[in-house]
């Protein structure tokens, strides 16, 4: 489907599609908050994961799910250095991306490091601790839910309302 066909399908089925999308956003956010311990920590963790995926994507990591999952699980500082240099996720950048004051970001980042959810890298700034129960739960619980929900959403958009 081309973008104009997708837009037309969205217009035709706006209420069904948008309700499903927002339901999925709420369910995902609730699960992420449950895993991270607070809404602020959940959003920070999401930013850190996003940053790591950008690092992997920027220098040619394979786009398939299995390969990306393997690479993100290996993405300690040594592994990431193969991909890109000088792309540091700083406290200031986290504060800006999350939309919170610097001191709130700094405090939450330090707590997340103390809880072993995050690690601090001199080269890359903040990274997800791949050996943490938080990361394991994101991979085993949250990510499959996200994939399933995304499939449902794409189906709803492309198939539209039936019957």
C-alpha atoms as a PDB file:
ATOM      1  CA  UNK A   1       0.000   0.000   0.000  1.00  0.00           C
ATOM      2  CA  UNK A   2       1.205   3.473  -0.755  1.00  0.00           C
ATOM      3  CA  UNK A   3       0.948   6.315   1.799  1.00  0.00           C
ATOM      4  CA  UNK A   4      -2.176   7.851   0.235  1.00  0.00           C
ATOM      5  CA  UNK A   5      -3.997   4.476   0.360  1.00  0.00           C
ATOM      6  CA  UNK A   6      -3.044   4.098   4.014  1.00  0.00           C
ATOM      7  CA  UNK A   7      -4.227   7.615   4.774  1.00  0.00           C
ATOM      8  CA  UNK A   8      -7.549   6.888   3.073  1.00  0.00           C
ATOM      9  CA  UNK A   9      -7.963   3.687   5.118  1.00  0.00           C
ATOM     10  CA  UNK A  10      -7.217   5.681   8.297  1.00  0.00           C
ATOM     11  CA  UNK A  11      -9.843   8.263   7.344  1.00  0.00           C
ATOM     12  CA  UNK A  12     -12.415   5.557   6.585  1.00  0.00           C
ATOM     13  CA  UNK A  13     -11.787   3.693   9.844  1.00  0.00           C
ATOM     14  CA  UNK A  14     -10.561   6.495  12.065  1.00  0.00           C
ATOM     15  CA  UNK A  15     -12.426   5.602  15.238  1.00  0.00           C
ATOM     16  CA  UNK A  16     -11.546   1.882  15.146  1.00  0.00           C
ATOM     17  CA  UNK A  17      -7.898   2.442  14.245  1.00  0.00           C
ATOM     18  CA  UNK A  18      -7.225   5.355  16.578  1.00  0.00           C
ATOM     19  CA  UNK A  19      -8.973   3.674  19.515  1.00  0.00           C
ATOM     20  CA  UNK A  20      -6.868   0.545  19.004  1.00  0.00           C
ATOM     21  CA  UNK A  21      -3.691   2.630  18.686  1.00  0.00           C
ATOM     22  CA  UNK A  22      -4.383   4.576  21.889  1.00  0.00           C
ATOM     23  CA  UNK A  23      -5.395   1.389  23.745  1.00  0.00           C
ATOM     24  CA  UNK A  24      -2.059  -0.103  22.757  1.00  0.00           C
ATOM     25  CA  UNK A  25      -0.152   3.030  23.814  1.00  0.00           C
ATOM     26  CA  UNK A  26      -1.815   2.971  27.232  1.00  0.00           C
ATOM     27  CA  UNK A  27      -1.149  -0.775  27.694  1.00  0.00           C
ATOM     28  CA  UNK A  28       2.488  -0.396  26.629  1.00  0.00           C
ATOM     29  CA  UNK A  29       3.039   2.591  28.881  1.00  0.00           C
ATOM     30  CA  UNK A  30       1.442   0.830  31.842  1.00  0.00           C
ATOM     31  CA  UNK A  31       3.693  -2.227  31.338  1.00  0.00           C
ATOM     32  CA  UNK A  32       6.806  -0.077  30.948  1.00  0.00           C
ATOM     33  CA  UNK A  33       5.946   1.863  34.141  1.00  0.00           C
ATOM     34  CA  UNK A  34       5.397  -1.430  35.969  1.00  0.00           C
ATOM     35  CA  UNK A  35       8.831  -2.657  34.859  1.00  0.00           C
ATOM     36  CA  UNK A  36      10.683   0.637  35.438  1.00  0.00           C
ATOM     37  CA  UNK A  37       8.960   1.651  38.662  1.00  0.00           C
ATOM     38  CA  UNK A  38       7.733   5.109  37.683  1.00  0.00           C
ATOM     39  CA  UNK A  39       6.490   7.002  34.614  1.00  0.00           C
ATOM     40  CA  UNK A  40       9.647   9.124  34.499  1.00  0.00           C
ATOM     41  CA  UNK A  41      11.958   6.109  34.671  1.00  0.00           C
ATOM     42  CA  UNK A  42       9.860   4.346  32.032  1.00  0.00           C
ATOM     43  CA  UNK A  43      10.223   7.255  29.632  1.00  0.00           C
ATOM     44  CA  UNK A  44      13.946   7.519  30.334  1.00  0.00           C
ATOM     45  CA  UNK A  45      14.395   3.794  29.652  1.00  0.00           C
ATOM     46  CA  UNK A  46      12.470   4.180  26.401  1.00  0.00           C
ATOM     47  CA  UNK A  47      14.815   7.019  25.356  1.00  0.00           C
ATOM     48  CA  UNK A  48      17.889   4.921  26.200  1.00  0.00           C
ATOM     49  CA  UNK A  49      16.594   1.949  24.160  1.00  0.00           C
ATOM     50  CA  UNK A  50      15.743   4.293  21.276  1.00  0.00           C
ATOM     51  CA  UNK A  51      19.247   5.758  21.378  1.00  0.00           C
ATOM     52  CA  UNK A  52      20.838   2.311  21.282  1.00  0.00           C
ATOM     53  CA  UNK A  53      18.692   1.299  18.309  1.00  0.00           C
ATOM     54  CA  UNK A  54      19.751   4.484  16.514  1.00  0.00           C
ATOM     55  CA  UNK A  55      23.400   3.614  17.165  1.00  0.00           C
ATOM     56  CA  UNK A  56      22.913   0.145  15.707  1.00  0.00           C
ATOM     57  CA  UNK A  57      20.958   1.440  12.713  1.00  0.00           C
ATOM     58  CA  UNK A  58      23.289   4.289  11.862  1.00  0.00           C
ATOM     59  CA  UNK A  59      26.196   2.098  10.853  1.00  0.00           C
ATOM     60  CA  UNK A  60      24.497  -0.736   9.046  1.00  0.00           C
ATOM     61  CA  UNK A  61      23.216  -3.204  11.599  1.00  0.00           C
ATOM     62  CA  UNK A  62      20.950  -5.773  10.017  1.00  0.00           C
ATOM     63  CA  UNK A  63      17.273  -4.733  10.179  1.00  0.00           C
ATOM     64  CA  UNK A  64      15.744  -8.129  10.976  1.00  0.00           C
ATOM     65  CA  UNK A  65      14.204  -8.689  14.393  1.00  0.00           C
ATOM     66  CA  UNK A  66      16.410 -11.607  15.403  1.00  0.00           C
ATOM     67  CA  UNK A  67      19.641  -9.886  14.429  1.00  0.00           C
ATOM     68  CA  UNK A  68      18.705  -6.569  16.063  1.00  0.00           C
ATOM     69  CA  UNK A  69      17.653  -8.370  19.255  1.00  0.00           C
ATOM     70  CA  UNK A  70      20.969 -10.214  19.293  1.00  0.00           C
ATOM     71  CA  UNK A  71      22.897  -7.001  18.667  1.00  0.00           C
ATOM     72  CA  UNK A  72      21.024  -4.996  21.292  1.00  0.00           C
ATOM     73  CA  UNK A  73      21.703  -7.799  23.795  1.00  0.00           C
ATOM     74  CA  UNK A  74      25.411  -7.566  22.944  1.00  0.00           C
ATOM     75  CA  UNK A  75      25.531  -3.783  22.829  1.00  0.00           C
ATOM     76  CA  UNK A  76      28.015  -3.168  25.547  1.00  0.00           C
ATOM     77  CA  UNK A  77      30.493  -0.369  24.987  1.00  0.00           C
ATOM     78  CA  UNK A  78      33.000  -2.563  23.122  1.00  0.00           C
ATOM     79  CA  UNK A  79      30.353  -3.790  20.669  1.00  0.00           C
ATOM     80  CA  UNK A  80      28.837  -0.362  20.031  1.00  0.00           C
ATOM     81  CA  UNK A  81      32.255   1.142  19.245  1.00  0.00           C
ATOM     82  CA  UNK A  82      32.184  -0.908  16.023  1.00  0.00           C
ATOM     83  CA  UNK A  83      29.184   1.104  14.907  1.00  0.00           C
ATOM     84  CA  UNK A  84      29.610   4.725  15.787  1.00  0.00           C
ATOM     85  CA  UNK A  85      31.675   7.188  17.760  1.00  0.00           C
ATOM     86  CA  UNK A  86      30.800  10.423  19.554  1.00  0.00           C
ATOM     87  CA  UNK A  87      27.064   9.875  19.931  1.00  0.00           C
ATOM     88  CA  UNK A  88      26.733  10.295  23.657  1.00  0.00           C
ATOM     89  CA  UNK A  89      23.396  10.183  25.472  1.00  0.00           C
ATOM     90  CA  UNK A  90      24.006  12.802  28.152  1.00  0.00           C
ATOM     91  CA  UNK A  91      21.878  13.869  31.085  1.00  0.00           C
ATOM     92  CA  UNK A  92      21.099  17.117  29.275  1.00  0.00           C
ATOM     93  CA  UNK A  93      19.965  15.273  26.161  1.00  0.00           C
ATOM     94  CA  UNK A  94      17.805  12.868  28.190  1.00  0.00           C
ATOM     95  CA  UNK A  95      16.204  15.822  30.012  1.00  0.00           C
ATOM     96  CA  UNK A  96      15.493  17.528  26.704  1.00  0.00           C
ATOM     97  CA  UNK A  97      14.070  14.414  25.014  1.00  0.00           C
ATOM     98  CA  UNK A  98      11.881  13.463  27.985  1.00  0.00           C
ATOM     99  CA  UNK A  99      10.844  17.072  28.595  1.00  0.00           C
ATOM    100  CA  UNK A 100      11.814  17.189  32.255  1.00  0.00           C
ATOM    101  CA  UNK A 101      14.143  19.466  34.221  1.00  0.00           C
ATOM    102  CA  UNK A 102      17.855  18.604  34.154  1.00  0.00           C
ATOM    103  CA  UNK A 103      17.962  17.858  37.889  1.00  0.00           C
ATOM    104  CA  UNK A 104      15.004  15.460  37.635  1.00  0.00           C
ATOM    105  CA  UNK A 105      16.710  13.637  34.774  1.00  0.00           C
ATOM    106  CA  UNK A 106      20.039  13.528  36.627  1.00  0.00           C
ATOM    107  CA  UNK A 107      18.444  12.169  39.803  1.00  0.00           C
ATOM    108  CA  UNK A 108      16.446   9.486  37.947  1.00  0.00           C
ATOM    109  CA  UNK A 109      19.430   8.454  35.828  1.00  0.00           C
ATOM    110  CA  UNK A 110      21.585   8.039  38.926  1.00  0.00           C
ATOM    111  CA  UNK A 111      18.899   5.964  40.658  1.00  0.00           C
ATOM    112  CA  UNK A 112      18.480   3.813  37.536  1.00  0.00           C
ATOM    113  CA  UNK A 113      22.254   3.224  37.503  1.00  0.00           C
ATOM    114  CA  UNK A 114      22.207   2.336  41.218  1.00  0.00           C
ATOM    115  CA  UNK A 115      19.346  -0.097  40.516  1.00  0.00           C
ATOM    116  CA  UNK A 116      21.448  -1.600  37.674  1.00  0.00           C
ATOM    117  CA  UNK A 117      18.786  -0.778  35.070  1.00  0.00           C
ATOM    118  CA  UNK A 118      21.248   1.527  33.288  1.00  0.00           C
ATOM    119  CA  UNK A 119      25.005   1.670  32.889  1.00  0.00           C
ATOM    120  CA  UNK A 120      27.092   4.765  32.303  1.00  0.00           C
ATOM    121  CA  UNK A 121      29.582   4.644  29.452  1.00  0.00           C
ATOM    122  CA  UNK A 122      32.292   7.257  28.982  1.00  0.00           C
ATOM    123  CA  UNK A 123      31.840   6.987  25.218  1.00  0.00           C
ATOM    124  CA  UNK A 124      28.076   6.551  24.802  1.00  0.00           C
ATOM    125  CA  UNK A 125      26.594   8.027  27.962  1.00  0.00           C
ATOM    126  CA  UNK A 126      23.718   5.988  29.323  1.00  0.00           C
ATOM    127  CA  UNK A 127      23.057   2.434  28.129  1.00  0.00           C
ATOM    128  CA  UNK A 128      20.614  -0.261  29.220  1.00  0.00           C
ATOM    129  CA  UNK A 129      22.232  -2.871  31.447  1.00  0.00           C
ATOM    130  CA  UNK A 130      21.733  -6.010  29.342  1.00  0.00           C
ATOM    131  CA  UNK A 131      22.174  -8.217  32.419  1.00  0.00           C
ATOM    132  CA  UNK A 132      19.375  -6.574  34.397  1.00  0.00           C
ATOM    133  CA  UNK A 133      16.007  -8.130  35.218  1.00  0.00           C
ATOM    134  CA  UNK A 134      14.489  -4.972  33.690  1.00  0.00           C
ATOM    135  CA  UNK A 135      16.031  -5.675  30.288  1.00  0.00           C
ATOM    136  CA  UNK A 136      15.107  -9.356  30.485  1.00  0.00           C
ATOM    137  CA  UNK A 137      11.477  -8.417  31.199  1.00  0.00           C
ATOM    138  CA  UNK A 138      11.451  -5.884  28.354  1.00  0.00           C
ATOM    139  CA  UNK A 139      12.718  -8.543  25.943  1.00  0.00           C
ATOM    140  CA  UNK A 140      10.496 -11.391  27.137  1.00  0.00           C
ATOM    141  CA  UNK A 141       7.298  -9.541  28.138  1.00  0.00           C
ATOM    142  CA  UNK A 142       7.105  -6.082  26.623  1.00  0.00           C
ATOM    143  CA  UNK A 143       8.632  -6.600  23.193  1.00  0.00           C
ATOM    144  CA  UNK A 144       6.399  -9.532  22.162  1.00  0.00           C
ATOM    145  CA  UNK A 145       3.350  -7.518  23.290  1.00  0.00           C
ATOM    146  CA  UNK A 146       4.530  -4.577  21.172  1.00  0.00           C
ATOM    147  CA  UNK A 147       5.032  -6.777  18.118  1.00  0.00           C
ATOM    148  CA  UNK A 148       1.633  -8.408  18.540  1.00  0.00           C
ATOM    149  CA  UNK A 149      -0.082  -5.034  18.964  1.00  0.00           C
ATOM    150  CA  UNK A 150       1.712  -3.527  15.986  1.00  0.00           C
ATOM    151  CA  UNK A 151       0.545  -6.450  13.835  1.00  0.00           C
ATOM    152  CA  UNK A 152      -3.035  -5.897  15.008  1.00  0.00           C
ATOM    153  CA  UNK A 153      -2.775  -2.193  14.228  1.00  0.00           C
ATOM    154  CA  UNK A 154      -1.355  -2.742  10.734  1.00  0.00           C
ATOM    155  CA  UNK A 155      -4.079  -5.301  10.055  1.00  0.00           C
ATOM    156  CA  UNK A 156      -6.769  -2.875  11.275  1.00  0.00           C
ATOM    157  CA  UNK A 157      -5.394  -0.137   9.014  1.00  0.00           C
ATOM    158  CA  UNK A 158      -4.920  -2.264   5.914  1.00  0.00           C
ATOM    159  CA  UNK A 159      -8.017  -4.426   6.233  1.00  0.00           C
ATOM    160  CA  UNK A 160     -10.351  -1.808   7.598  1.00  0.00           C
ATOM    161  CA  UNK A 161     -13.707  -2.475   9.169  1.00  0.00           C
ATOM    162  CA  UNK A 162     -15.263  -5.818   8.227  1.00  0.00           C
ATOM    163  CA  UNK A 163     -18.911  -6.706   8.326  1.00  0.00           C
END
